[in-house]
C-alpha cells in the first residue's frame, strides 16, 4: 500500500506581500496554489498511490465563485480515473460554517462529518481512516479525544487538523497532547494546520507535512507533501516531496566591510545566485535584507531608491523572469563607532554629543519644534501648500536626528579626513 499525506492547500489563496515592478513574473505567480495541487495529483498518479489524505484547509475560506470548487472536483476526477481514494477533513479556514457554496464531488472523495468522529474502512487495501472535520473555525476542544479505537488487522490512520501542543504563528485550534495521540494506538497521524513540515514522532508516525505552496516570505523553503509506503501492514518509509511552483527565499546580505554600493550589489548577486539554485528551476520570490556596518552606509541611504532599482534589475537579469524581489530592506549601519567618536574632541564629536543630548531631552525637542513652527508661519503662502508643506514636530525631529547620523556625519568625517 502507498498513501500520500498533504494539508493546507489553501486553494486559490493569493500570494501576499508582492510589490509589483517592471519585469515581475506575474503570470507565473498567478494560480500558484492551483498548479501545486495539480502537482500533487500528478504525484499520486505517478506513485500509483492507493489514497490521498488532505488534513484540512483545502480552501482558504468561502469561494468567490464556483470556479474554485470546480477546479478541485476536476482534479479529484483525475484521481478517480487512477483508482485513488481521497479522504478529507475540514480545518479552520474551510470549516463547515465558512463554506456556503457546495458542489457534488466524485465518488472517490470522502469528506468527514463535523458532528462526531467517524471511521472509513477499505478492506481491499487493509486501511482504516478515522477523522472529523471542523464545524466552525474556532474549535478549541481536543477532537482527537473522541476518535474511535483502532480497527484490528488494518493500518489505522488518524486524520486531524490541529495545533497539537501549540505552534508559533498558528492559532491554537483543536489542541491535543502528543502522548494522547500515541496512546490512541494508530499507525499514523496525518495532521494539518501547521505550515512547516514537522515529524513529531516516529513509530507510530505523527506528521505535519507543511502546506503545499508557500504564500508569503514567512513560508520560505521547500513545500509539498509526504509519501508513505506500507509493506505487510507496517510503515516502511516516510518521505517528503517538494511540489511548490513558487519558492520563497529569505536572502540575507552581510555588507560589513563594503566601501561602496557597488560592492554591496556584488554580494547580493552571489546570494541571489544561491537562492536561484536552491529553487531548483521554480520561480523564486526573495525577500532581501542588507545589514552590517560598512563604509557604503551613507551612500546607500542617500541613494536608496536607485540602489533598490539596481537590485531589482540585477534580479531580472539573473533570473530571466523567474526571480522576484518581494521586498528589499536596507538595515546597514555606519562603519564608525559613534559612541567612541563622541568621546573625542573636534566639531564632529561635539555634534554627536549635541545629538545625543537632544535625544534625551524631550522638553528641548518640543521647544525646537515650536521654533520651527514660528519659522514656518513666516514662510510665503506657496510654501505652505501641497505634500512638501513645512511642518516639523517633536517626532519628526527624532527622525531627523537619525538622518543626520546616517547621512550627514559620514560626509563630515570624509571632509575632516581630507577624503
Protein backbone atom coordinates (compact mmCIF):
# COMPACT_ATOMS: atom_id res chain seq x y z
CA UNK A 1 0.00 0.00 0.00
CA UNK A 2 1.08 3.58 -0.60
CA UNK A 3 -0.62 6.78 0.51
CA UNK A 4 0.08 10.49 0.17
CA UNK A 5 -0.48 12.96 3.01
CA UNK A 6 -0.96 16.68 2.30
CA UNK A 7 -2.55 19.62 4.09
CA UNK A 8 -3.21 23.35 3.94
CA UNK A 9 -3.61 23.65 0.18
CA UNK A 10 -5.43 27.00 0.57
CA UNK A 11 -6.68 26.64 -2.97
CA UNK A 12 -6.93 29.97 -4.85
CA UNK A 13 -5.36 31.88 -1.99
CA UNK A 14 -3.30 34.78 -3.42
CA UNK A 15 0.40 35.12 -2.71
CA UNK A 16 0.84 38.01 -0.28
CA UNK A 17 3.21 40.96 0.05
CA UNK A 18 4.46 41.05 -3.51
CA UNK A 19 5.47 44.51 -4.68
CA UNK A 20 4.90 44.96 -8.40
CA UNK A 21 7.61 46.43 -10.60
CA UNK A 22 8.68 46.13 -14.21
CA UNK A 23 9.90 42.65 -15.05
CA UNK A 24 7.91 40.81 -12.36
CA UNK A 25 6.82 37.29 -13.48
CA UNK A 26 3.14 37.98 -12.79
CA UNK A 27 1.78 35.14 -14.93
CA UNK A 28 3.94 32.59 -13.12
CA UNK A 29 2.76 33.80 -9.73
CA UNK A 30 -0.95 33.70 -10.51
CA UNK A 31 -2.64 30.44 -9.69
CA UNK A 32 0.37 29.02 -7.85
CA UNK A 33 -1.87 27.08 -5.44
CA UNK A 34 -3.78 25.51 -8.33
CA UNK A 35 -0.62 24.38 -10.04
CA UNK A 36 0.71 23.00 -6.76
CA UNK A 37 -2.50 20.96 -6.35
CA UNK A 38 -2.05 19.75 -9.92
CA UNK A 39 1.46 18.63 -8.99
CA UNK A 40 0.03 16.73 -6.01
CA UNK A 41 -2.48 14.92 -8.20
CA UNK A 42 0.19 14.05 -10.74
CA UNK A 43 2.43 12.69 -7.96
CA UNK A 44 -0.38 10.44 -6.71
CA UNK A 45 -0.84 9.08 -10.21
CA UNK A 46 2.88 8.57 -10.84
CA UNK A 47 3.40 6.87 -7.47
CA UNK A 48 0.31 4.68 -8.02
CA UNK A 49 -0.92 5.76 -4.61
CA UNK A 50 -3.90 3.97 -3.11
CA UNK A 51 -5.20 7.06 -1.37
CA UNK A 52 -4.65 10.76 -0.71
CA UNK A 53 -5.18 12.27 2.76
CA UNK A 54 -5.99 16.00 2.94
CA UNK A 55 -5.74 17.22 6.54
CA UNK A 56 -7.72 20.46 6.44
CA UNK A 57 -7.68 23.95 4.95
CA UNK A 58 -8.15 22.71 1.42
CA UNK A 59 -9.75 26.10 0.77
CA UNK A 60 -8.69 29.50 2.12
CA UNK A 61 -12.25 30.45 3.03
CA UNK A 62 -15.56 30.76 1.25
CA UNK A 63 -15.28 30.64 -2.55
CA UNK A 64 -15.61 33.87 -4.50
CA UNK A 65 -17.32 31.78 -7.20
CA UNK A 66 -17.78 28.15 -8.15
CA UNK A 67 -14.51 28.10 -10.09
CA UNK A 68 -12.54 27.05 -7.01
CA UNK A 69 -14.80 24.07 -6.32
CA UNK A 70 -14.98 23.08 -9.98
CA UNK A 71 -11.20 23.02 -10.24
CA UNK A 72 -10.91 20.78 -7.18
CA UNK A 73 -13.63 18.45 -8.46
CA UNK A 74 -11.85 18.13 -11.81
CA UNK A 75 -8.58 17.22 -10.10
CA UNK A 76 -10.33 14.61 -7.95
CA UNK A 77 -11.88 13.11 -11.10
CA UNK A 78 -8.34 12.61 -12.41
CA UNK A 79 -7.55 10.66 -9.24
CA UNK A 80 -10.69 8.56 -9.62
CA UNK A 81 -9.52 7.57 -13.10
CA UNK A 82 -6.29 6.37 -11.49
CA UNK A 83 -8.10 4.44 -8.74
CA UNK A 84 -7.01 6.80 -5.93
CA UNK A 85 -9.36 7.32 -2.98
CA UNK A 86 -9.36 10.72 -1.27
CA UNK A 87 -10.06 11.40 2.42
CA UNK A 88 -10.67 14.99 3.52
CA UNK A 89 -11.21 16.76 6.84
CA UNK A 90 -12.16 20.42 7.00
CA UNK A 91 -9.99 22.81 9.02
CA UNK A 92 -10.43 26.31 10.42
CA UNK A 93 -10.24 28.02 7.00
CA UNK A 94 -12.72 25.69 5.28
CA UNK A 95 -14.90 24.76 8.26
CA UNK A 96 -18.49 23.76 7.50
CA UNK A 97 -19.73 27.13 8.78
CA UNK A 98 -17.43 29.10 6.48
CA UNK A 99 -18.04 27.44 3.10
CA UNK A 100 -21.50 28.47 1.89
CA UNK A 101 -21.24 27.04 -1.63
CA UNK A 102 -21.01 23.33 -2.36
CA UNK A 103 -20.54 21.02 -5.33
CA UNK A 104 -21.03 17.35 -5.84
CA UNK A 105 -17.63 15.67 -5.70
CA UNK A 106 -16.57 12.45 -7.46
CA UNK A 107 -17.44 9.30 -5.51
CA UNK A 108 -13.78 8.58 -4.72
CA UNK A 109 -13.78 11.55 -2.30
CA UNK A 110 -14.94 11.22 1.30
CA UNK A 111 -15.30 14.38 3.39
CA UNK A 112 -15.53 13.53 7.09
CA UNK A 113 -18.51 14.84 9.03
CA UNK A 114 -18.12 17.57 11.66
CA UNK A 115 -20.66 16.40 14.30
CA UNK A 116 -18.57 13.47 15.55
CA UNK A 117 -15.52 11.37 14.51
CA UNK A 118 -16.15 8.61 12.00
CA UNK A 119 -14.20 5.72 10.50
CA UNK A 120 -13.96 4.68 6.85
CA UNK A 121 -12.64 1.17 6.19
CA UNK A 122 -11.18 -0.11 2.93
CA UNK A 123 -10.80 -3.86 3.33
CA UNK A 124 -9.37 -4.14 -0.17
CA UNK A 125 -6.12 -2.45 0.85
CA UNK A 126 -6.35 -3.07 4.61
CA UNK A 127 -6.93 0.53 5.68
CA UNK A 128 -9.00 2.33 8.31
CA UNK A 129 -9.10 6.16 8.31
CA UNK A 130 -10.51 8.00 11.32
CA UNK A 131 -11.38 11.69 11.08
CA UNK A 132 -13.57 14.63 11.99
CA UNK A 133 -13.99 17.98 10.26
CA UNK A 134 -14.25 21.39 11.90
CA UNK A 135 -17.86 22.54 12.28
CA UNK A 136 -16.69 26.13 12.84
CA UNK A 137 -13.40 27.97 12.53
CA UNK A 138 -12.71 28.40 16.25
CA UNK A 139 -12.54 24.82 17.52
CA UNK A 140 -10.89 24.82 20.93
CA UNK A 141 -11.76 21.26 22.04
CA UNK A 142 -9.42 18.30 21.64
CA UNK A 143 -11.19 16.50 18.79
CA UNK A 144 -8.77 13.57 18.94
CA UNK A 145 -10.03 12.59 22.40
CA UNK A 146 -13.22 11.19 20.88
CA UNK A 147 -11.58 9.36 17.96
CA UNK A 148 -12.56 5.66 17.93
CA UNK A 149 -10.37 2.72 18.87
CA UNK A 150 -8.18 1.26 16.09
CA UNK A 151 -9.59 -1.45 13.83
CA UNK A 152 -7.85 -4.77 14.39
CA UNK A 153 -5.87 -6.16 11.48
CA UNK A 154 -5.88 -2.89 9.49
CA UNK A 155 -3.49 0.02 9.08
CA UNK A 156 -5.07 2.79 11.18
CA UNK A 157 -4.67 6.45 10.23
CA UNK A 158 -5.91 9.44 12.23
CA UNK A 159 -6.73 12.42 10.00
CA UNK A 160 -6.76 15.60 12.08
CA UNK A 161 -6.47 19.37 11.72
CA UNK A 162 -4.81 20.59 14.91
CA UNK A 163 -2.27 22.89 16.50
CA UNK A 164 -1.07 19.84 18.51
CA UNK A 165 0.62 21.30 21.59
CA UNK A 166 0.65 24.78 20.05
CA UNK A 167 2.94 26.23 17.40
CA UNK A 168 4.22 29.84 16.98
CA UNK A 169 2.30 31.74 14.34
CA UNK A 170 -0.68 29.37 14.39
CA UNK A 171 -3.95 29.72 16.28
CA UNK A 172 -4.36 27.08 18.99
CA UNK A 173 -7.17 25.13 17.32
CA UNK A 174 -8.19 21.58 18.30
CA UNK A 175 -5.21 21.34 20.69
CA UNK A 176 -4.03 17.92 21.78
CA UNK A 177 -1.12 16.28 23.57
CA UNK A 178 1.32 14.11 21.64
CA UNK A 179 1.08 11.48 24.36
CA UNK A 180 -2.69 11.26 23.81
CA UNK A 181 -2.23 10.71 20.08
CA UNK A 182 0.30 7.95 20.67
CA UNK A 183 -1.97 6.27 23.22
CA UNK A 184 -4.77 6.02 20.65
CA UNK A 185 -2.94 3.11 19.04
CA UNK A 186 -3.00 4.30 15.41
CA UNK A 187 -0.14 3.60 13.00
CA UNK A 188 -0.01 7.10 11.50
CA UNK A 189 -1.40 10.51 12.41
CA UNK A 190 -1.91 12.70 9.34
CA UNK A 191 -2.00 16.23 10.75
CA UNK A 192 -2.66 19.61 9.23
CA UNK A 193 -2.74 23.32 10.24
CA UNK A 194 0.99 23.93 10.83
CA UNK A 195 2.61 25.23 7.63
CA UNK A 196 6.13 23.98 8.35
CA UNK A 197 6.94 20.31 7.85
CA UNK A 198 7.50 18.59 11.20
CA UNK A 199 7.73 15.00 12.33
CA UNK A 200 6.52 14.89 15.93
CA UNK A 201 7.12 11.16 16.41
CA UNK A 202 8.24 8.03 14.59
CA UNK A 203 6.70 4.63 15.24
CA UNK A 204 3.87 5.48 15.37
CA UNK A 205 4.32 8.35 12.97
CA UNK A 206 2.86 11.77 13.78
CA UNK A 207 3.47 14.16 10.89
CA UNK A 208 2.74 17.71 9.79
CA UNK A 209 3.58 17.76 6.04
CA UNK A 210 3.50 21.57 5.90
CA UNK A 211 1.49 23.49 3.35
CA UNK A 212 1.55 22.66 -0.33
CA UNK A 213 2.62 26.10 -1.58
CA UNK A 214 4.26 28.91 0.37
CA UNK A 215 2.17 32.09 0.19
CA UNK A 216 4.45 34.73 1.70
CA UNK A 217 8.01 35.29 2.89
CA UNK A 218 7.41 33.67 6.28
CA UNK A 219 6.70 30.41 4.42
CA UNK A 220 10.10 30.05 2.79
CA UNK A 221 11.86 26.91 1.63
CA UNK A 222 10.51 23.72 0.01
CA UNK A 223 6.79 23.00 0.38
CA UNK A 224 4.91 19.84 -0.53
CA UNK A 225 3.58 16.58 0.85
CA UNK A 226 4.56 13.28 2.47
CA UNK A 227 4.62 9.92 0.67
CA UNK A 228 4.22 6.82 2.86
CA UNK A 229 4.93 3.23 1.80
CA UNK A 230 3.39 0.30 3.67
CA UNK A 231 4.52 -3.30 3.41
CA UNK A 232 2.69 -6.20 5.03
CA UNK A 233 0.71 -3.83 7.23
CA UNK A 234 3.77 -1.93 8.51
CA UNK A 235 5.03 1.50 7.51
CA UNK A 236 8.37 1.11 5.74
CA UNK A 237 9.20 4.63 4.56
CA UNK A 238 8.02 8.20 5.08
CA UNK A 239 9.40 10.76 2.61
CA UNK A 240 8.69 14.43 1.96
CA UNK A 241 8.28 15.60 -1.65
CA UNK A 242 8.50 19.22 -2.82
CA UNK A 243 5.56 20.25 -5.03
CA UNK A 244 5.59 24.05 -4.81
CA UNK A 245 5.77 26.07 -8.02
CA UNK A 246 6.98 29.30 -6.38
CA UNK A 247 9.82 29.06 -3.86
CA UNK A 248 10.08 31.78 -1.23
CA UNK A 249 13.57 32.67 -0.02
CA UNK A 250 14.97 34.88 2.73
CA UNK A 251 18.18 36.39 1.38
CA UNK A 252 20.49 37.94 3.98
CA UNK A 253 23.35 40.04 2.63
CA UNK A 254 26.17 40.81 5.04
CA UNK A 255 27.57 44.16 3.89
CA UNK A 256 30.28 44.56 6.54
CA UNK A 257 33.47 45.94 5.03
CA UNK A 258 31.82 47.10 1.79
CA UNK A 259 33.10 50.53 0.83
CA UNK A 260 30.59 51.29 -1.92
CA UNK A 261 27.03 50.41 -3.03
CA UNK A 262 28.55 48.52 -5.97
CA UNK A 263 30.37 46.15 -3.60
CA UNK A 264 27.11 45.51 -1.74
CA UNK A 265 25.40 44.76 -5.06
CA UNK A 266 28.13 42.22 -5.86
CA UNK A 267 27.45 40.42 -2.59
CA UNK A 268 23.74 40.48 -3.35
CA UNK A 269 24.43 38.86 -6.72
CA UNK A 270 26.20 35.93 -5.06
CA UNK A 271 23.33 35.47 -2.59
CA UNK A 272 20.68 35.61 -5.32
CA UNK A 273 22.52 33.04 -7.42
CA UNK A 274 22.43 30.69 -4.44
CA UNK A 275 18.68 31.31 -3.94
CA UNK A 276 18.01 30.54 -7.61
CA UNK A 277 19.96 27.29 -7.37
CA UNK A 278 18.05 26.32 -4.24
CA UNK A 279 14.73 27.00 -6.01
CA UNK A 280 15.56 24.15 -8.42
CA UNK A 281 14.04 25.70 -11.52
CA UNK A 282 10.99 27.21 -9.81
CA UNK A 283 10.06 30.87 -9.74
CA UNK A 284 11.87 32.37 -6.76
CA UNK A 285 10.30 35.14 -4.67
CA UNK A 286 13.05 36.57 -2.47
CA UNK A 287 12.97 38.93 0.49
CA UNK A 288 16.33 40.69 0.72
CA UNK A 289 17.78 42.17 3.88
CA UNK A 290 21.10 44.01 3.76
CA UNK A 291 22.79 44.55 7.12
CA UNK A 292 26.15 45.19 8.74
CA UNK A 293 28.45 48.13 9.49
CA UNK A 294 30.00 49.38 6.29
CA UNK A 295 31.54 52.38 4.60
CA UNK A 296 28.80 52.22 1.99
CA UNK A 297 26.09 53.01 4.56
CA UNK A 298 25.79 56.74 3.85
CA UNK A 299 25.75 56.31 0.07
CA UNK A 300 23.15 53.51 0.33
CA UNK A 301 20.79 55.69 2.36
CA UNK A 302 21.36 58.76 0.20
CA UNK A 303 20.57 56.80 -2.96
CA UNK A 304 18.19 54.22 -1.53
CA UNK A 305 15.67 54.12 -4.41
CA UNK A 306 18.41 53.92 -7.03
CA UNK A 307 20.15 51.03 -5.26
CA UNK A 308 16.90 49.09 -4.85
CA UNK A 309 16.11 49.62 -8.54
CA UNK A 310 19.60 48.33 -9.39
CA UNK A 311 18.97 45.30 -7.18
CA UNK A 312 15.73 44.52 -8.99
CA UNK A 313 17.35 45.00 -12.38
CA UNK A 314 20.02 42.54 -11.27
CA UNK A 315 17.36 40.02 -10.24
CA UNK A 316 15.60 40.35 -13.59
CA UNK A 317 18.89 39.77 -15.39
CA UNK A 318 19.91 36.79 -13.25
CA UNK A 319 16.54 35.06 -13.23
CA UNK A 320 15.46 35.79 -16.80
CA UNK A 321 11.95 36.37 -15.48
CA UNK A 322 11.99 33.73 -12.74
CA UNK A 323 13.32 35.82 -9.84
CA UNK A 324 11.17 38.36 -7.99
CA UNK A 325 12.45 40.57 -5.18
CA UNK A 326 9.39 40.64 -2.94
CA UNK A 327 10.91 43.26 -0.65
CA UNK A 328 14.31 44.90 -0.16
CA UNK A 329 15.32 46.14 3.30
CA UNK A 330 18.41 48.25 3.87
CA UNK A 331 19.42 47.90 7.50
CA UNK A 332 23.11 48.81 7.41
CA UNK A 333 24.91 50.96 9.97
CA UNK A 334 27.86 53.36 9.73
CA UNK A 335 31.27 51.79 9.97
CA UNK A 336 32.26 54.36 12.57
CA UNK A 337 31.53 53.65 16.23
CA UNK A 338 29.56 56.80 17.15
CA UNK A 339 29.94 56.26 20.89
CA UNK A 340 33.73 56.09 20.60
CA UNK A 341 33.81 59.08 18.25
CA UNK A 342 31.68 61.17 20.62
CA UNK A 343 34.34 60.76 23.32
CA UNK A 344 36.92 62.57 21.18
CA UNK A 345 37.45 66.29 20.63
CA UNK A 346 36.58 68.26 17.50
CA UNK A 347 33.45 69.62 15.77
CA UNK A 348 32.09 66.23 14.61
CA UNK A 349 32.39 64.77 18.12
CA UNK A 350 30.71 67.86 19.54
CA UNK A 351 27.85 67.49 17.05
CA UNK A 352 27.39 63.87 18.09
CA UNK A 353 27.19 64.84 21.75
CA UNK A 354 24.61 67.52 20.92
CA UNK A 355 22.52 64.94 19.04
CA UNK A 356 22.52 62.56 21.99
CA UNK A 357 21.70 65.38 24.40
CA UNK A 358 18.76 66.44 22.23
CA UNK A 359 17.54 62.84 22.02
CA UNK A 360 17.44 62.61 25.80
CA UNK A 361 15.70 65.96 26.39
CA UNK A 362 12.01 65.83 25.40
CA UNK A 363 11.32 69.41 26.53
CA UNK A 364 14.17 70.68 24.38
CA UNK A 365 12.79 68.81 21.36
CA UNK A 366 9.38 70.40 21.89
CA UNK A 367 10.94 73.87 22.16
CA UNK A 368 12.84 73.23 18.93
CA UNK A 369 9.63 72.11 17.22
CA UNK A 370 7.93 75.33 18.42
CA UNK A 371 10.79 77.37 16.96
CA UNK A 372 10.33 75.61 13.63
CA UNK A 373 6.60 76.37 13.83
CA UNK A 374 7.37 80.09 14.25
CA UNK A 375 9.68 79.90 11.26
CA UNK A 376 7.02 78.11 9.22
CA UNK A 377 4.48 80.84 10.00
CA UNK A 378 6.77 83.40 8.35
CA UNK A 379 7.18 81.44 5.12
CA UNK A 380 5.45 82.55 1.89
CA UNK A 381 1.98 81.01 1.29
CA UNK A 382 3.15 78.96 -1.70
CA UNK A 383 5.50 77.01 0.57
CA UNK A 384 2.66 76.05 2.91
CA UNK A 385 0.66 74.06 0.35
CA UNK A 386 0.96 70.57 -1.08
CA UNK A 387 2.87 67.50 0.09
CA UNK A 388 6.02 69.44 0.95
CA UNK A 389 4.35 71.72 3.50
CA UNK A 390 6.81 72.94 6.13
CA UNK A 391 5.74 71.10 9.28
CA UNK A 392 8.18 69.76 11.87
CA UNK A 393 7.04 68.31 15.19
CA UNK A 394 8.92 66.54 18.01
CA UNK A 395 8.52 63.11 16.39
CA UNK A 396 9.92 64.35 13.08
CA UNK A 397 12.87 65.86 14.93
CA UNK A 398 13.73 62.38 16.28
CA UNK A 399 13.74 61.02 12.72
CA UNK A 400 15.85 63.94 11.54
CA UNK A 401 18.42 63.21 14.21
CA UNK A 402 18.78 59.66 12.88
CA UNK A 403 19.15 61.06 9.35
CA UNK A 404 21.93 63.38 10.50
CA UNK A 405 23.81 60.39 11.90
CA UNK A 406 23.23 58.26 8.82
CA UNK A 407 23.76 60.82 6.07
CA UNK A 408 25.49 63.97 7.28
CA UNK A 409 28.03 62.65 9.77
CA UNK A 410 29.76 60.24 7.32
CA UNK A 411 30.20 63.15 4.88
CA UNK A 412 31.57 65.39 7.62
CA UNK A 413 34.03 62.68 8.59
CA UNK A 414 35.17 62.35 4.96
CA UNK A 415 35.69 66.10 4.80
CA UNK A 416 37.53 66.12 8.13
CA UNK A 417 39.89 63.36 6.98
CA UNK A 418 40.51 65.05 3.61
CA UNK A 419 38.83 62.33 1.51
